[in-house]
Amino acid sequence: MVVLAHGFTGHTDEPALAQVAGWFAATVGVVGLDFRGHGRSGGESTVGDQEVLDVAAAVAWARTLGYRRVATVGFSMGGAVVARYAGLGGDTDAVVVVSAPSRWYYRGTPHARRAHWVIEAPLGRWVARTGLATRIERGGWRPVPVEPRVAVSGITVPMLVVHGDADQYFPLDHADELAAAPGAQLWVEPGFGHAEQAMDADLTGRIAAWLRTALAPSAP
């Protein structure tokens, strides 16, 4: 089964993520979550830091439902979170990161700079809260959490990195850094944009097939 982790300002009721969940559900069990400060969850977003605890809670819930093999699949910020969760010793049997940043504070594209404005500026946080159902913790990180590209060195389960060559937020070097994890596979998708909004049934099906192999009892 898979735990789906959405991107920044996303949530489980968002049409794009709901559609991806439906595609996965055709072949595997699915548990979705709203990260803290997003959608129907309480609290405030820490933009990838304490969200590893949210993934841990979702995985634990999946285990209580009787699933012995659980994969974590994350998009954009959610991809960075599941990568950190797996690399820091989280209870997952496979991990898939889609369109994820490998390092913090990247401002190399207009879309990334806009995201930083939403996170850091008082007006940006107001826009996120009132227009995007996302409440962001003020004051920034203390201390700065381990970067995904560092955390992935601790991953010991099968890992798939999926990234598009048309990603508007993070260029392919982010994917290359994440795919340096031991035994990781990298899929560079031609024409693919960013995260759950760019997903289609074909790519979801290929990821689900990879997961079925990765989660098979004979898999390492």
N, C-alpha and C. Protein backbone atom coordinates (compact mmCIF):
# COMPACT_ATOMS: atom_id res chain seq x y z
N MET A 1 0.84 -1.19 0.00
CA MET A 1 0.00 0.00 0.00
C MET A 1 0.88 1.24 0.00
N VAL A 2 0.29 2.39 -0.30
CA VAL A 2 1.07 3.62 -0.39
C VAL A 2 0.47 4.69 0.51
N VAL A 3 1.34 5.47 1.13
CA VAL A 3 0.98 6.71 1.82
C VAL A 3 1.33 7.84 0.87
N LEU A 4 0.36 8.67 0.53
CA LEU A 4 0.57 9.78 -0.40
C LEU A 4 0.80 11.07 0.36
N ALA A 5 1.90 11.75 0.03
CA ALA A 5 2.28 13.00 0.69
C ALA A 5 2.26 14.13 -0.34
N HIS A 6 1.38 15.08 -0.17
CA HIS A 6 1.16 16.14 -1.15
C HIS A 6 2.26 17.20 -1.10
N GLY A 7 2.22 18.09 -2.08
CA GLY A 7 3.15 19.20 -2.13
C GLY A 7 2.70 20.38 -1.29
N PHE A 8 3.54 21.41 -1.23
CA PHE A 8 3.24 22.62 -0.47
C PHE A 8 1.98 23.27 -0.99
N THR A 9 1.08 23.65 -0.10
CA THR A 9 -0.25 24.22 -0.32
C THR A 9 -1.25 23.19 -0.85
N GLY A 10 -0.87 21.93 -0.96
CA GLY A 10 -1.80 20.90 -1.41
C GLY A 10 -2.59 20.31 -0.25
N HIS A 11 -3.48 19.36 -0.58
CA HIS A 11 -4.26 18.64 0.43
C HIS A 11 -4.99 17.50 -0.27
N THR A 12 -5.55 16.60 0.52
CA THR A 12 -6.13 15.39 -0.06
C THR A 12 -7.41 15.66 -0.86
N ASP A 13 -8.08 16.79 -0.62
CA ASP A 13 -9.29 17.10 -1.37
C ASP A 13 -8.99 17.83 -2.69
N GLU A 14 -7.74 18.15 -2.92
CA GLU A 14 -7.36 18.81 -4.15
C GLU A 14 -7.61 17.87 -5.33
N PRO A 15 -8.23 18.34 -6.42
CA PRO A 15 -8.58 17.45 -7.52
C PRO A 15 -7.40 16.66 -8.09
N ALA A 16 -6.25 17.30 -8.24
CA ALA A 16 -5.11 16.60 -8.84
C ALA A 16 -4.66 15.43 -7.97
N LEU A 17 -4.54 15.66 -6.66
CA LEU A 17 -4.10 14.60 -5.77
C LEU A 17 -5.17 13.53 -5.63
N ALA A 18 -6.43 13.93 -5.57
CA ALA A 18 -7.51 12.95 -5.49
C ALA A 18 -7.51 12.04 -6.71
N GLN A 19 -7.22 12.60 -7.87
CA GLN A 19 -7.16 11.78 -9.08
C GLN A 19 -6.00 10.80 -9.03
N VAL A 20 -4.84 11.27 -8.58
CA VAL A 20 -3.69 10.37 -8.44
C VAL A 20 -4.02 9.25 -7.45
N ALA A 21 -4.66 9.59 -6.34
CA ALA A 21 -5.03 8.58 -5.35
C ALA A 21 -5.97 7.55 -5.98
N GLY A 22 -6.89 8.01 -6.81
CA GLY A 22 -7.79 7.08 -7.49
C GLY A 22 -7.07 6.14 -8.43
N TRP A 23 -6.10 6.67 -9.17
CA TRP A 23 -5.32 5.82 -10.07
C TRP A 23 -4.54 4.76 -9.28
N PHE A 24 -3.92 5.17 -8.19
CA PHE A 24 -3.20 4.20 -7.36
C PHE A 24 -4.16 3.17 -6.78
N ALA A 25 -5.32 3.62 -6.33
CA ALA A 25 -6.26 2.74 -5.64
C ALA A 25 -6.79 1.63 -6.54
N ALA A 26 -6.61 1.77 -7.85
CA ALA A 26 -7.04 0.70 -8.76
C ALA A 26 -6.22 -0.57 -8.56
N THR A 27 -5.02 -0.44 -7.99
CA THR A 27 -4.15 -1.61 -7.86
C THR A 27 -3.55 -1.78 -6.46
N VAL A 28 -3.50 -0.72 -5.65
CA VAL A 28 -2.89 -0.80 -4.32
C VAL A 28 -3.75 -0.03 -3.33
N GLY A 29 -3.60 -0.35 -2.04
CA GLY A 29 -4.25 0.44 -1.01
C GLY A 29 -3.61 1.81 -0.89
N VAL A 30 -4.39 2.79 -0.49
CA VAL A 30 -3.90 4.17 -0.41
C VAL A 30 -4.33 4.80 0.91
N VAL A 31 -3.39 5.45 1.58
CA VAL A 31 -3.68 6.33 2.71
C VAL A 31 -3.19 7.73 2.35
N GLY A 32 -4.07 8.70 2.40
CA GLY A 32 -3.68 10.09 2.15
C GLY A 32 -3.62 10.86 3.46
N LEU A 33 -2.90 11.96 3.45
CA LEU A 33 -2.87 12.81 4.64
C LEU A 33 -2.79 14.26 4.22
N ASP A 34 -3.33 15.12 5.08
CA ASP A 34 -3.10 16.56 4.96
C ASP A 34 -1.99 16.90 5.95
N PHE A 35 -0.87 17.41 5.44
CA PHE A 35 0.20 17.84 6.34
C PHE A 35 -0.31 18.91 7.30
N ARG A 36 0.36 19.03 8.43
CA ARG A 36 0.02 20.08 9.39
C ARG A 36 -0.05 21.44 8.70
N GLY A 37 -1.08 22.20 9.06
CA GLY A 37 -1.24 23.52 8.47
C GLY A 37 -1.85 23.51 7.08
N HIS A 38 -2.21 22.34 6.55
CA HIS A 38 -2.76 22.22 5.20
C HIS A 38 -4.16 21.61 5.26
N GLY A 39 -5.04 22.09 4.39
CA GLY A 39 -6.34 21.47 4.24
C GLY A 39 -7.09 21.35 5.55
N ARG A 40 -7.48 20.12 5.88
CA ARG A 40 -8.30 19.88 7.07
C ARG A 40 -7.48 19.62 8.33
N SER A 41 -6.15 19.60 8.22
CA SER A 41 -5.31 19.38 9.40
C SER A 41 -5.13 20.68 10.18
N GLY A 42 -4.92 20.54 11.49
CA GLY A 42 -4.66 21.69 12.32
C GLY A 42 -3.19 22.07 12.31
N GLY A 43 -2.82 22.98 13.18
CA GLY A 43 -1.43 23.38 13.32
C GLY A 43 -0.96 24.30 12.21
N GLU A 44 0.35 24.41 12.11
CA GLU A 44 0.97 25.28 11.10
C GLU A 44 2.07 24.52 10.37
N SER A 45 2.20 24.81 9.10
CA SER A 45 3.20 24.14 8.27
C SER A 45 4.61 24.59 8.66
N THR A 46 5.52 23.62 8.77
CA THR A 46 6.94 23.93 8.94
C THR A 46 7.70 23.71 7.64
N VAL A 47 6.97 23.55 6.54
CA VAL A 47 7.51 23.51 5.18
C VAL A 47 8.61 22.45 5.04
N GLY A 48 8.32 21.24 5.51
CA GLY A 48 9.22 20.12 5.27
C GLY A 48 10.01 19.64 6.45
N ASP A 49 9.94 20.32 7.58
CA ASP A 49 10.72 19.94 8.76
C ASP A 49 9.95 18.92 9.61
N GLN A 50 9.03 19.39 10.44
CA GLN A 50 8.30 18.50 11.34
C GLN A 50 7.28 17.62 10.62
N GLU A 51 7.10 17.84 9.33
CA GLU A 51 6.17 17.02 8.56
C GLU A 51 6.58 15.55 8.51
N VAL A 52 7.85 15.24 8.82
CA VAL A 52 8.23 13.83 8.90
C VAL A 52 7.40 13.11 9.97
N LEU A 53 6.99 13.83 11.00
CA LEU A 53 6.16 13.23 12.04
C LEU A 53 4.76 12.93 11.51
N ASP A 54 4.27 13.75 10.59
CA ASP A 54 2.97 13.50 9.97
C ASP A 54 3.01 12.23 9.12
N VAL A 55 4.11 12.05 8.38
CA VAL A 55 4.27 10.83 7.59
C VAL A 55 4.35 9.61 8.52
N ALA A 56 5.09 9.75 9.62
CA ALA A 56 5.20 8.65 10.57
C ALA A 56 3.82 8.25 11.09
N ALA A 57 2.96 9.23 11.39
CA ALA A 57 1.62 8.93 11.88
C ALA A 57 0.79 8.22 10.81
N ALA A 58 0.92 8.66 9.55
CA ALA A 58 0.16 8.03 8.47
C ALA A 58 0.63 6.59 8.23
N VAL A 59 1.94 6.36 8.28
CA VAL A 59 2.46 5.00 8.12
C VAL A 59 1.98 4.12 9.27
N ALA A 60 2.01 4.63 10.48
CA ALA A 60 1.54 3.86 11.64
C ALA A 60 0.06 3.50 11.47
N TRP A 61 -0.73 4.44 10.96
CA TRP A 61 -2.14 4.17 10.72
C TRP A 61 -2.29 3.06 9.68
N ALA A 62 -1.49 3.13 8.61
CA ALA A 62 -1.55 2.08 7.59
C ALA A 62 -1.22 0.71 8.19
N ARG A 63 -0.25 0.67 9.08
CA ARG A 63 0.11 -0.60 9.73
C ARG A 63 -1.07 -1.12 10.57
N THR A 64 -1.79 -0.22 11.25
CA THR A 64 -2.93 -0.68 12.06
C THR A 64 -4.04 -1.23 11.19
N LEU A 65 -4.09 -0.83 9.92
CA LEU A 65 -5.09 -1.36 9.00
C LEU A 65 -4.74 -2.76 8.50
N GLY A 66 -3.54 -3.24 8.86
CA GLY A 66 -3.14 -4.59 8.51
C GLY A 66 -2.15 -4.70 7.37
N TYR A 67 -1.70 -3.57 6.83
CA TYR A 67 -0.73 -3.62 5.73
C TYR A 67 0.66 -3.91 6.27
N ARG A 68 1.28 -4.97 5.74
CA ARG A 68 2.63 -5.32 6.18
C ARG A 68 3.70 -4.56 5.41
N ARG A 69 3.41 -4.22 4.15
CA ARG A 69 4.38 -3.53 3.30
C ARG A 69 3.81 -2.17 2.95
N VAL A 70 4.49 -1.12 3.34
CA VAL A 70 3.98 0.25 3.16
C VAL A 70 5.06 1.07 2.45
N ALA A 71 4.67 1.73 1.37
CA ALA A 71 5.56 2.65 0.66
C ALA A 71 5.11 4.07 0.90
N THR A 72 6.04 4.99 0.87
CA THR A 72 5.72 6.42 0.97
C THR A 72 6.01 7.08 -0.37
N VAL A 73 5.03 7.82 -0.87
CA VAL A 73 5.13 8.49 -2.18
C VAL A 73 4.86 9.97 -1.96
N GLY A 74 5.84 10.81 -2.29
CA GLY A 74 5.70 12.23 -2.02
C GLY A 74 5.93 13.08 -3.25
N PHE A 75 5.24 14.21 -3.29
CA PHE A 75 5.32 15.14 -4.41
C PHE A 75 5.87 16.48 -3.92
N SER A 76 6.89 17.00 -4.60
CA SER A 76 7.48 18.30 -4.30
C SER A 76 7.88 18.36 -2.82
N MET A 77 7.29 19.25 -2.02
CA MET A 77 7.64 19.28 -0.60
C MET A 77 7.42 17.92 0.04
N GLY A 78 6.31 17.26 -0.32
CA GLY A 78 6.05 15.92 0.21
C GLY A 78 7.11 14.93 -0.17
N GLY A 79 7.72 15.10 -1.36
CA GLY A 79 8.82 14.23 -1.75
C GLY A 79 10.04 14.45 -0.89
N ALA A 80 10.34 15.71 -0.59
CA ALA A 80 11.46 16.00 0.31
C ALA A 80 11.20 15.40 1.69
N VAL A 81 9.93 15.45 2.14
CA VAL A 81 9.60 14.92 3.46
C VAL A 81 9.76 13.40 3.49
N VAL A 82 9.23 12.69 2.49
CA VAL A 82 9.35 11.22 2.54
C VAL A 82 10.79 10.77 2.35
N ALA A 83 11.58 11.55 1.59
CA ALA A 83 13.00 11.22 1.46
C ALA A 83 13.71 11.36 2.80
N ARG A 84 13.42 12.46 3.51
CA ARG A 84 14.03 12.66 4.82
C ARG A 84 13.53 11.61 5.81
N TYR A 85 12.24 11.29 5.76
CA TYR A 85 11.67 10.29 6.65
C TYR A 85 12.39 8.94 6.47
N ALA A 86 12.55 8.52 5.23
CA ALA A 86 13.21 7.24 4.96
C ALA A 86 14.68 7.28 5.35
N GLY A 87 15.35 8.38 5.03
CA GLY A 87 16.77 8.48 5.32
C GLY A 87 17.10 8.60 6.79
N LEU A 88 16.14 9.10 7.57
CA LEU A 88 16.35 9.26 9.00
C LEU A 88 15.84 8.06 9.80
N GLY A 89 15.57 6.96 9.09
CA GLY A 89 15.21 5.72 9.77
C GLY A 89 13.73 5.47 9.89
N GLY A 90 12.92 6.14 9.09
CA GLY A 90 11.47 5.96 9.16
C GLY A 90 11.03 4.57 8.74
N ASP A 91 9.85 4.18 9.20
CA ASP A 91 9.30 2.84 8.98
C ASP A 91 8.61 2.76 7.63
N THR A 92 9.38 2.68 6.56
CA THR A 92 8.82 2.53 5.22
C THR A 92 9.58 1.44 4.48
N ASP A 93 8.87 0.76 3.58
CA ASP A 93 9.46 -0.36 2.84
C ASP A 93 9.93 0.03 1.44
N ALA A 94 9.53 1.20 0.98
CA ALA A 94 9.98 1.74 -0.30
C ALA A 94 9.60 3.21 -0.31
N VAL A 95 10.31 3.98 -1.12
CA VAL A 95 10.05 5.42 -1.16
C VAL A 95 10.12 5.91 -2.59
N VAL A 96 9.15 6.76 -2.96
CA VAL A 96 9.11 7.38 -4.29
C VAL A 96 9.02 8.89 -4.09
N VAL A 97 9.92 9.63 -4.73
CA VAL A 97 9.88 11.09 -4.65
C VAL A 97 9.67 11.64 -6.06
N VAL A 98 8.69 12.51 -6.20
CA VAL A 98 8.33 13.08 -7.49
C VAL A 98 8.50 14.59 -7.42
N SER A 99 9.34 15.14 -8.30
CA SER A 99 9.52 16.60 -8.40
C SER A 99 10.01 17.23 -7.10
N ALA A 100 10.85 16.52 -6.36
CA ALA A 100 11.24 16.99 -5.04
C ALA A 100 12.50 17.85 -5.08
N PRO A 101 12.59 18.84 -4.20
CA PRO A 101 13.85 19.58 -4.05
C PRO A 101 14.85 18.74 -3.27
N SER A 102 16.11 18.87 -3.63
CA SER A 102 17.15 18.14 -2.90
C SER A 102 17.79 19.00 -1.82
N ARG A 103 17.62 20.32 -1.91
CA ARG A 103 18.28 21.24 -0.98
C ARG A 103 17.36 22.42 -0.69
N TRP A 104 17.61 23.04 0.45
CA TRP A 104 16.77 24.14 0.90
C TRP A 104 17.18 25.47 0.26
N TYR A 105 16.25 26.42 0.33
CA TYR A 105 16.48 27.83 -0.04
C TYR A 105 16.79 28.01 -1.53
N TYR A 106 16.40 27.06 -2.37
CA TYR A 106 16.65 27.21 -3.81
C TYR A 106 15.75 28.29 -4.39
N ARG A 107 16.34 29.26 -5.09
CA ARG A 107 15.58 30.36 -5.68
C ARG A 107 15.93 30.56 -7.15
N GLY A 108 16.31 29.49 -7.81
CA GLY A 108 16.82 29.61 -9.18
C GLY A 108 15.78 29.74 -10.27
N THR A 109 14.50 29.60 -9.94
CA THR A 109 13.43 29.74 -10.94
C THR A 109 12.39 30.73 -10.41
N PRO A 110 11.62 31.37 -11.29
CA PRO A 110 10.57 32.28 -10.83
C PRO A 110 9.56 31.59 -9.92
N HIS A 111 9.20 30.34 -10.24
CA HIS A 111 8.23 29.63 -9.40
C HIS A 111 8.80 29.39 -8.00
N ALA A 112 10.06 29.04 -7.91
CA ALA A 112 10.68 28.82 -6.60
C ALA A 112 10.74 30.13 -5.81
N ARG A 113 11.06 31.21 -6.48
CA ARG A 113 11.12 32.51 -5.78
C ARG A 113 9.73 32.92 -5.29
N ARG A 114 8.70 32.61 -6.07
CA ARG A 114 7.34 32.93 -5.64
C ARG A 114 6.97 32.10 -4.41
N ALA A 115 7.37 30.85 -4.38
CA ALA A 115 7.08 30.00 -3.22
C ALA A 115 7.77 30.56 -1.97
N HIS A 116 9.01 31.04 -2.12
CA HIS A 116 9.71 31.62 -0.97
C HIS A 116 9.01 32.89 -0.49
N TRP A 117 8.46 33.67 -1.40
CA TRP A 117 7.72 34.87 -0.98
C TRP A 117 6.50 34.47 -0.16
N VAL A 118 5.78 33.44 -0.59
CA VAL A 118 4.61 32.96 0.15
C VAL A 118 5.01 32.52 1.55
N ILE A 119 6.15 31.84 1.67
CA ILE A 119 6.59 31.30 2.95
C ILE A 119 7.11 32.39 3.88
N GLU A 120 7.86 33.35 3.34
CA GLU A 120 8.63 34.27 4.17
C GLU A 120 7.99 35.62 4.39
N ALA A 121 7.21 36.11 3.45
CA ALA A 121 6.65 37.46 3.56
C ALA A 121 5.32 37.43 4.31
N PRO A 122 5.06 38.40 5.19
CA PRO A 122 3.77 38.43 5.89
C PRO A 122 2.58 38.42 4.92
N LEU A 123 2.66 39.19 3.83
CA LEU A 123 1.57 39.19 2.86
C LEU A 123 1.46 37.83 2.19
N GLY A 124 2.60 37.19 1.91
CA GLY A 124 2.57 35.87 1.30
C GLY A 124 1.91 34.84 2.19
N ARG A 125 2.20 34.90 3.49
CA ARG A 125 1.56 33.96 4.42
C ARG A 125 0.07 34.23 4.52
N TRP A 126 -0.32 35.49 4.44
CA TRP A 126 -1.75 35.83 4.45
C TRP A 126 -2.44 35.25 3.22
N VAL A 127 -1.80 35.37 2.06
CA VAL A 127 -2.36 34.80 0.83
C VAL A 127 -2.52 33.29 0.98
N ALA A 128 -1.48 32.64 1.52
CA ALA A 128 -1.53 31.19 1.71
C ALA A 128 -2.67 30.80 2.64
N ARG A 129 -2.85 31.57 3.72
CA ARG A 129 -3.86 31.23 4.72
C ARG A 129 -5.27 31.46 4.18
N THR A 130 -5.48 32.56 3.52
CA THR A 130 -6.84 32.92 3.10
C THR A 130 -7.23 32.32 1.76
N GLY A 131 -6.26 32.15 0.90
CA GLY A 131 -6.58 31.68 -0.45
C GLY A 131 -6.22 30.24 -0.74
N LEU A 132 -5.28 29.67 0.04
CA LEU A 132 -4.78 28.33 -0.26
C LEU A 132 -4.96 27.34 0.89
N ALA A 133 -5.67 27.73 1.91
CA ALA A 133 -5.94 26.86 3.07
C ALA A 133 -4.65 26.31 3.66
N THR A 134 -3.61 27.15 3.70
CA THR A 134 -2.30 26.73 4.21
C THR A 134 -1.82 27.74 5.24
N ARG A 135 -1.61 27.27 6.46
CA ARG A 135 -1.15 28.13 7.54
C ARG A 135 0.32 27.82 7.82
N ILE A 136 1.15 28.85 7.72
CA ILE A 136 2.60 28.66 7.76
C ILE A 136 3.16 29.22 9.07
N GLU A 137 3.99 28.44 9.71
CA GLU A 137 4.63 28.87 10.95
C GLU A 137 5.57 30.04 10.69
N ARG A 138 5.48 31.06 11.52
CA ARG A 138 6.36 32.22 11.37
C ARG A 138 7.70 31.98 12.06
N GLY A 139 8.71 32.69 11.60
CA GLY A 139 9.99 32.66 12.27
C GLY A 139 11.03 31.75 11.65
N GLY A 140 10.61 30.90 10.72
CA GLY A 140 11.59 30.04 10.05
C GLY A 140 12.06 28.88 10.91
N TRP A 141 13.01 28.14 10.37
CA TRP A 141 13.51 26.93 11.04
C TRP A 141 14.52 27.27 12.13
N ARG A 142 14.41 26.56 13.25
CA ARG A 142 15.40 26.66 14.33
C ARG A 142 15.51 25.29 14.99
N PRO A 143 16.55 24.49 14.66
CA PRO A 143 17.60 24.74 13.67
C PRO A 143 17.14 24.33 12.28
N VAL A 144 17.99 24.57 11.29
CA VAL A 144 17.69 24.15 9.92
C VAL A 144 17.74 22.63 9.85
N PRO A 145 16.69 21.99 9.34
CA PRO A 145 16.67 20.52 9.29
C PRO A 145 17.66 19.97 8.25
N VAL A 146 17.98 18.71 8.41
CA VAL A 146 18.87 18.03 7.47
C VAL A 146 18.27 18.10 6.07
N GLU A 147 19.09 18.45 5.09
CA GLU A 147 18.61 18.55 3.72
C GLU A 147 18.30 17.16 3.15
N PRO A 148 17.33 17.08 2.22
CA PRO A 148 17.03 15.78 1.61
C PRO A 148 18.25 15.12 0.97
N ARG A 149 19.09 15.89 0.28
CA ARG A 149 20.25 15.30 -0.39
C ARG A 149 21.24 14.68 0.59
N VAL A 150 21.23 15.14 1.83
CA VAL A 150 22.07 14.54 2.88
C VAL A 150 21.36 13.35 3.50
N ALA A 151 20.09 13.50 3.78
CA ALA A 151 19.33 12.43 4.45
C ALA A 151 19.27 11.16 3.63
N VAL A 152 19.23 11.29 2.28
CA VAL A 152 19.04 10.09 1.46
C VAL A 152 20.19 9.10 1.57
N SER A 153 21.33 9.55 2.07
CA SER A 153 22.45 8.61 2.22
C SER A 153 22.13 7.51 3.23
N GLY A 154 21.12 7.73 4.07
CA GLY A 154 20.74 6.73 5.06
C GLY A 154 19.62 5.81 4.61
N ILE A 155 19.16 5.94 3.37
CA ILE A 155 18.05 5.11 2.90
C ILE A 155 18.54 3.70 2.59
N THR A 156 17.85 2.71 3.13
CA THR A 156 18.23 1.31 2.94
C THR A 156 17.13 0.50 2.25
N VAL A 157 16.06 1.16 1.80
CA VAL A 157 14.95 0.48 1.11
C VAL A 157 14.95 0.93 -0.35
N PRO A 158 14.23 0.23 -1.23
CA PRO A 158 14.16 0.67 -2.63
C PRO A 158 13.66 2.10 -2.75
N MET A 159 14.30 2.87 -3.62
CA MET A 159 13.94 4.28 -3.80
C MET A 159 13.85 4.59 -5.28
N LEU A 160 12.80 5.32 -5.66
CA LEU A 160 12.61 5.78 -7.03
C LEU A 160 12.49 7.30 -7.02
N VAL A 161 13.27 7.94 -7.87
CA VAL A 161 13.24 9.40 -8.03
C VAL A 161 12.66 9.69 -9.41
N VAL A 162 11.56 10.45 -9.45
CA VAL A 162 10.89 10.81 -10.70
C VAL A 162 10.94 12.33 -10.85
N HIS A 163 11.40 12.79 -11.99
CA HIS A 163 11.52 14.24 -12.19
C HIS A 163 11.31 14.53 -13.66
N GLY A 164 10.70 15.67 -13.95
CA GLY A 164 10.45 16.07 -15.32
C GLY A 164 11.49 17.05 -15.83
N ASP A 165 11.76 16.96 -17.14
CA ASP A 165 12.71 17.91 -17.72
C ASP A 165 12.04 19.25 -18.02
N ALA A 166 10.73 19.36 -17.71
CA ALA A 166 10.01 20.63 -17.85
C ALA A 166 9.52 21.14 -16.50
N ASP A 167 10.16 20.70 -15.42
CA ASP A 167 9.77 21.14 -14.08
C ASP A 167 9.99 22.64 -13.94
N GLN A 168 8.94 23.36 -13.50
CA GLN A 168 9.01 24.81 -13.41
C GLN A 168 9.66 25.29 -12.12
N TYR A 169 9.82 24.40 -11.15
CA TYR A 169 10.36 24.79 -9.84
C TYR A 169 11.82 24.38 -9.66
N PHE A 170 12.10 23.10 -9.88
CA PHE A 170 13.43 22.56 -9.54
C PHE A 170 14.03 21.86 -10.76
N PRO A 171 15.22 22.27 -11.20
CA PRO A 171 15.85 21.63 -12.35
C PRO A 171 16.34 20.22 -12.01
N LEU A 172 16.85 19.54 -13.02
CA LEU A 172 17.17 18.12 -12.89
C LEU A 172 18.33 17.84 -11.94
N ASP A 173 19.15 18.83 -11.63
CA ASP A 173 20.25 18.54 -10.70
C ASP A 173 19.73 18.18 -9.31
N HIS A 174 18.51 18.64 -8.97
CA HIS A 174 17.92 18.22 -7.71
C HIS A 174 17.65 16.72 -7.72
N ALA A 175 17.11 16.22 -8.83
CA ALA A 175 16.86 14.79 -8.95
C ALA A 175 18.15 14.00 -8.92
N ASP A 176 19.18 14.50 -9.59
CA ASP A 176 20.47 13.81 -9.59
C ASP A 176 21.01 13.67 -8.17
N GLU A 177 20.88 14.71 -7.37
CA GLU A 177 21.40 14.64 -6.00
C GLU A 177 20.61 13.64 -5.15
N LEU A 178 19.29 13.59 -5.34
CA LEU A 178 18.49 12.63 -4.59
C LEU A 178 18.77 11.20 -5.05
N ALA A 179 18.98 11.03 -6.34
CA ALA A 179 19.23 9.69 -6.89
C ALA A 179 20.61 9.16 -6.55
N ALA A 180 21.43 9.97 -5.87
CA ALA A 180 22.73 9.48 -5.39
C ALA A 180 22.57 8.57 -4.18
N ALA A 181 21.35 8.42 -3.68
CA ALA A 181 21.09 7.50 -2.57
C ALA A 181 21.47 6.09 -2.97
N PRO A 182 21.91 5.27 -2.02
CA PRO A 182 22.32 3.91 -2.35
C PRO A 182 21.21 3.12 -3.04
N GLY A 183 21.48 2.63 -4.25
CA GLY A 183 20.53 1.79 -4.96
C GLY A 183 19.34 2.50 -5.57
N ALA A 184 19.30 3.83 -5.55
CA ALA A 184 18.15 4.57 -6.07
C ALA A 184 18.07 4.48 -7.58
N GLN A 185 16.86 4.52 -8.11
CA GLN A 185 16.62 4.60 -9.54
C GLN A 185 16.10 6.00 -9.88
N LEU A 186 16.47 6.48 -11.07
CA LEU A 186 16.05 7.80 -11.52
C LEU A 186 15.31 7.67 -12.83
N TRP A 187 14.09 8.22 -12.87
CA TRP A 187 13.34 8.34 -14.11
C TRP A 187 13.23 9.82 -14.46
N VAL A 188 13.80 10.21 -15.59
CA VAL A 188 13.63 11.57 -16.10
C VAL A 188 12.53 11.51 -17.15
N GLU A 189 11.42 12.20 -16.87
CA GLU A 189 10.24 12.13 -17.72
C GLU A 189 10.21 13.31 -18.70
N PRO A 190 10.30 13.04 -20.01
CA PRO A 190 10.29 14.12 -21.00
C PRO A 190 8.95 14.87 -20.97
N GLY A 191 9.05 16.20 -20.93
CA GLY A 191 7.86 17.04 -20.98
C GLY A 191 7.05 17.11 -19.70
N PHE A 192 7.48 16.38 -18.67
CA PHE A 192 6.74 16.35 -17.41
C PHE A 192 7.01 17.63 -16.63
N GLY A 193 5.95 18.20 -16.08
CA GLY A 193 6.07 19.44 -15.32
C GLY A 193 6.36 19.19 -13.86
N HIS A 194 5.45 19.62 -12.98
CA HIS A 194 5.77 19.59 -11.56
C HIS A 194 4.70 18.90 -10.73
N ALA A 195 5.11 17.86 -10.01
CA ALA A 195 4.37 17.25 -8.91
C ALA A 195 3.02 16.68 -9.33
N GLU A 196 2.08 16.63 -8.38
CA GLU A 196 0.82 15.94 -8.62
C GLU A 196 0.00 16.58 -9.74
N GLN A 197 0.17 17.89 -9.95
CA GLN A 197 -0.59 18.57 -11.00
C GLN A 197 -0.21 18.08 -12.39
N ALA A 198 0.98 17.52 -12.54
CA ALA A 198 1.45 17.06 -13.85
C ALA A 198 1.26 15.56 -14.05
N MET A 199 0.80 14.84 -13.03
CA MET A 199 0.68 13.39 -13.13
C MET A 199 -0.42 12.98 -14.10
N ASP A 200 -0.23 11.82 -14.73
CA ASP A 200 -1.29 11.23 -15.54
C ASP A 200 -1.41 9.76 -15.20
N ALA A 201 -2.39 9.11 -15.78
CA ALA A 201 -2.65 7.70 -15.45
C ALA A 201 -1.50 6.80 -15.83
N ASP A 202 -0.83 7.10 -16.96
CA ASP A 202 0.27 6.25 -17.42
C ASP A 202 1.43 6.28 -16.43
N LEU A 203 1.88 7.47 -16.03
CA LEU A 203 3.00 7.57 -15.10
C LEU A 203 2.62 6.97 -13.75
N THR A 204 1.41 7.24 -13.29
CA THR A 204 0.97 6.65 -12.02
C THR A 204 1.00 5.12 -12.10
N GLY A 205 0.55 4.58 -13.22
CA GLY A 205 0.55 3.13 -13.39
C GLY A 205 1.95 2.56 -13.39
N ARG A 206 2.89 3.26 -14.02
CA ARG A 206 4.27 2.77 -14.04
C ARG A 206 4.90 2.82 -12.64
N ILE A 207 4.58 3.88 -11.89
CA ILE A 207 5.08 3.95 -10.51
C ILE A 207 4.46 2.83 -9.68
N ALA A 208 3.15 2.58 -9.86
CA ALA A 208 2.49 1.51 -9.11
C ALA A 208 3.12 0.15 -9.45
N ALA A 209 3.47 -0.07 -10.72
CA ALA A 209 4.12 -1.33 -11.10
C ALA A 209 5.49 -1.45 -10.44
N TRP A 210 6.23 -0.34 -10.42
CA TRP A 210 7.54 -0.36 -9.74
C TRP A 210 7.35 -0.68 -8.26
N LEU A 211 6.33 -0.12 -7.65
CA LEU A 211 6.09 -0.36 -6.24
C LEU A 211 5.71 -1.81 -5.97
N ARG A 212 4.91 -2.41 -6.85
CA ARG A 212 4.55 -3.80 -6.63
C ARG A 212 5.78 -4.69 -6.61
N THR A 213 6.74 -4.38 -7.49
CA THR A 213 7.99 -5.14 -7.49
C THR A 213 8.80 -4.84 -6.25
N ALA A 214 8.90 -3.56 -5.88
CA ALA A 214 9.71 -3.17 -4.73
C ALA A 214 9.15 -3.72 -3.43
N LEU A 215 7.83 -3.86 -3.36
CA LEU A 215 7.19 -4.31 -2.13
C LEU A 215 6.95 -5.82 -2.09
N ALA A 216 7.34 -6.51 -3.15
CA ALA A 216 7.16 -7.96 -3.16
C ALA A 216 7.98 -8.59 -2.03
N PRO A 217 7.47 -9.67 -1.44
CA PRO A 217 8.19 -10.27 -0.29
C PRO A 217 9.63 -10.65 -0.59
N SER A 218 9.95 -10.96 -1.86
CA SER A 218 11.31 -11.35 -2.20
C SER A 218 12.22 -10.17 -2.46
N ALA A 219 11.66 -8.95 -2.49
CA ALA A 219 12.48 -7.78 -2.78
C ALA A 219 13.43 -7.51 -1.64
N PRO A 220 14.63 -6.98 -1.93
CA PRO A 220 15.58 -6.67 -0.85
C PRO A 220 15.08 -5.56 0.04
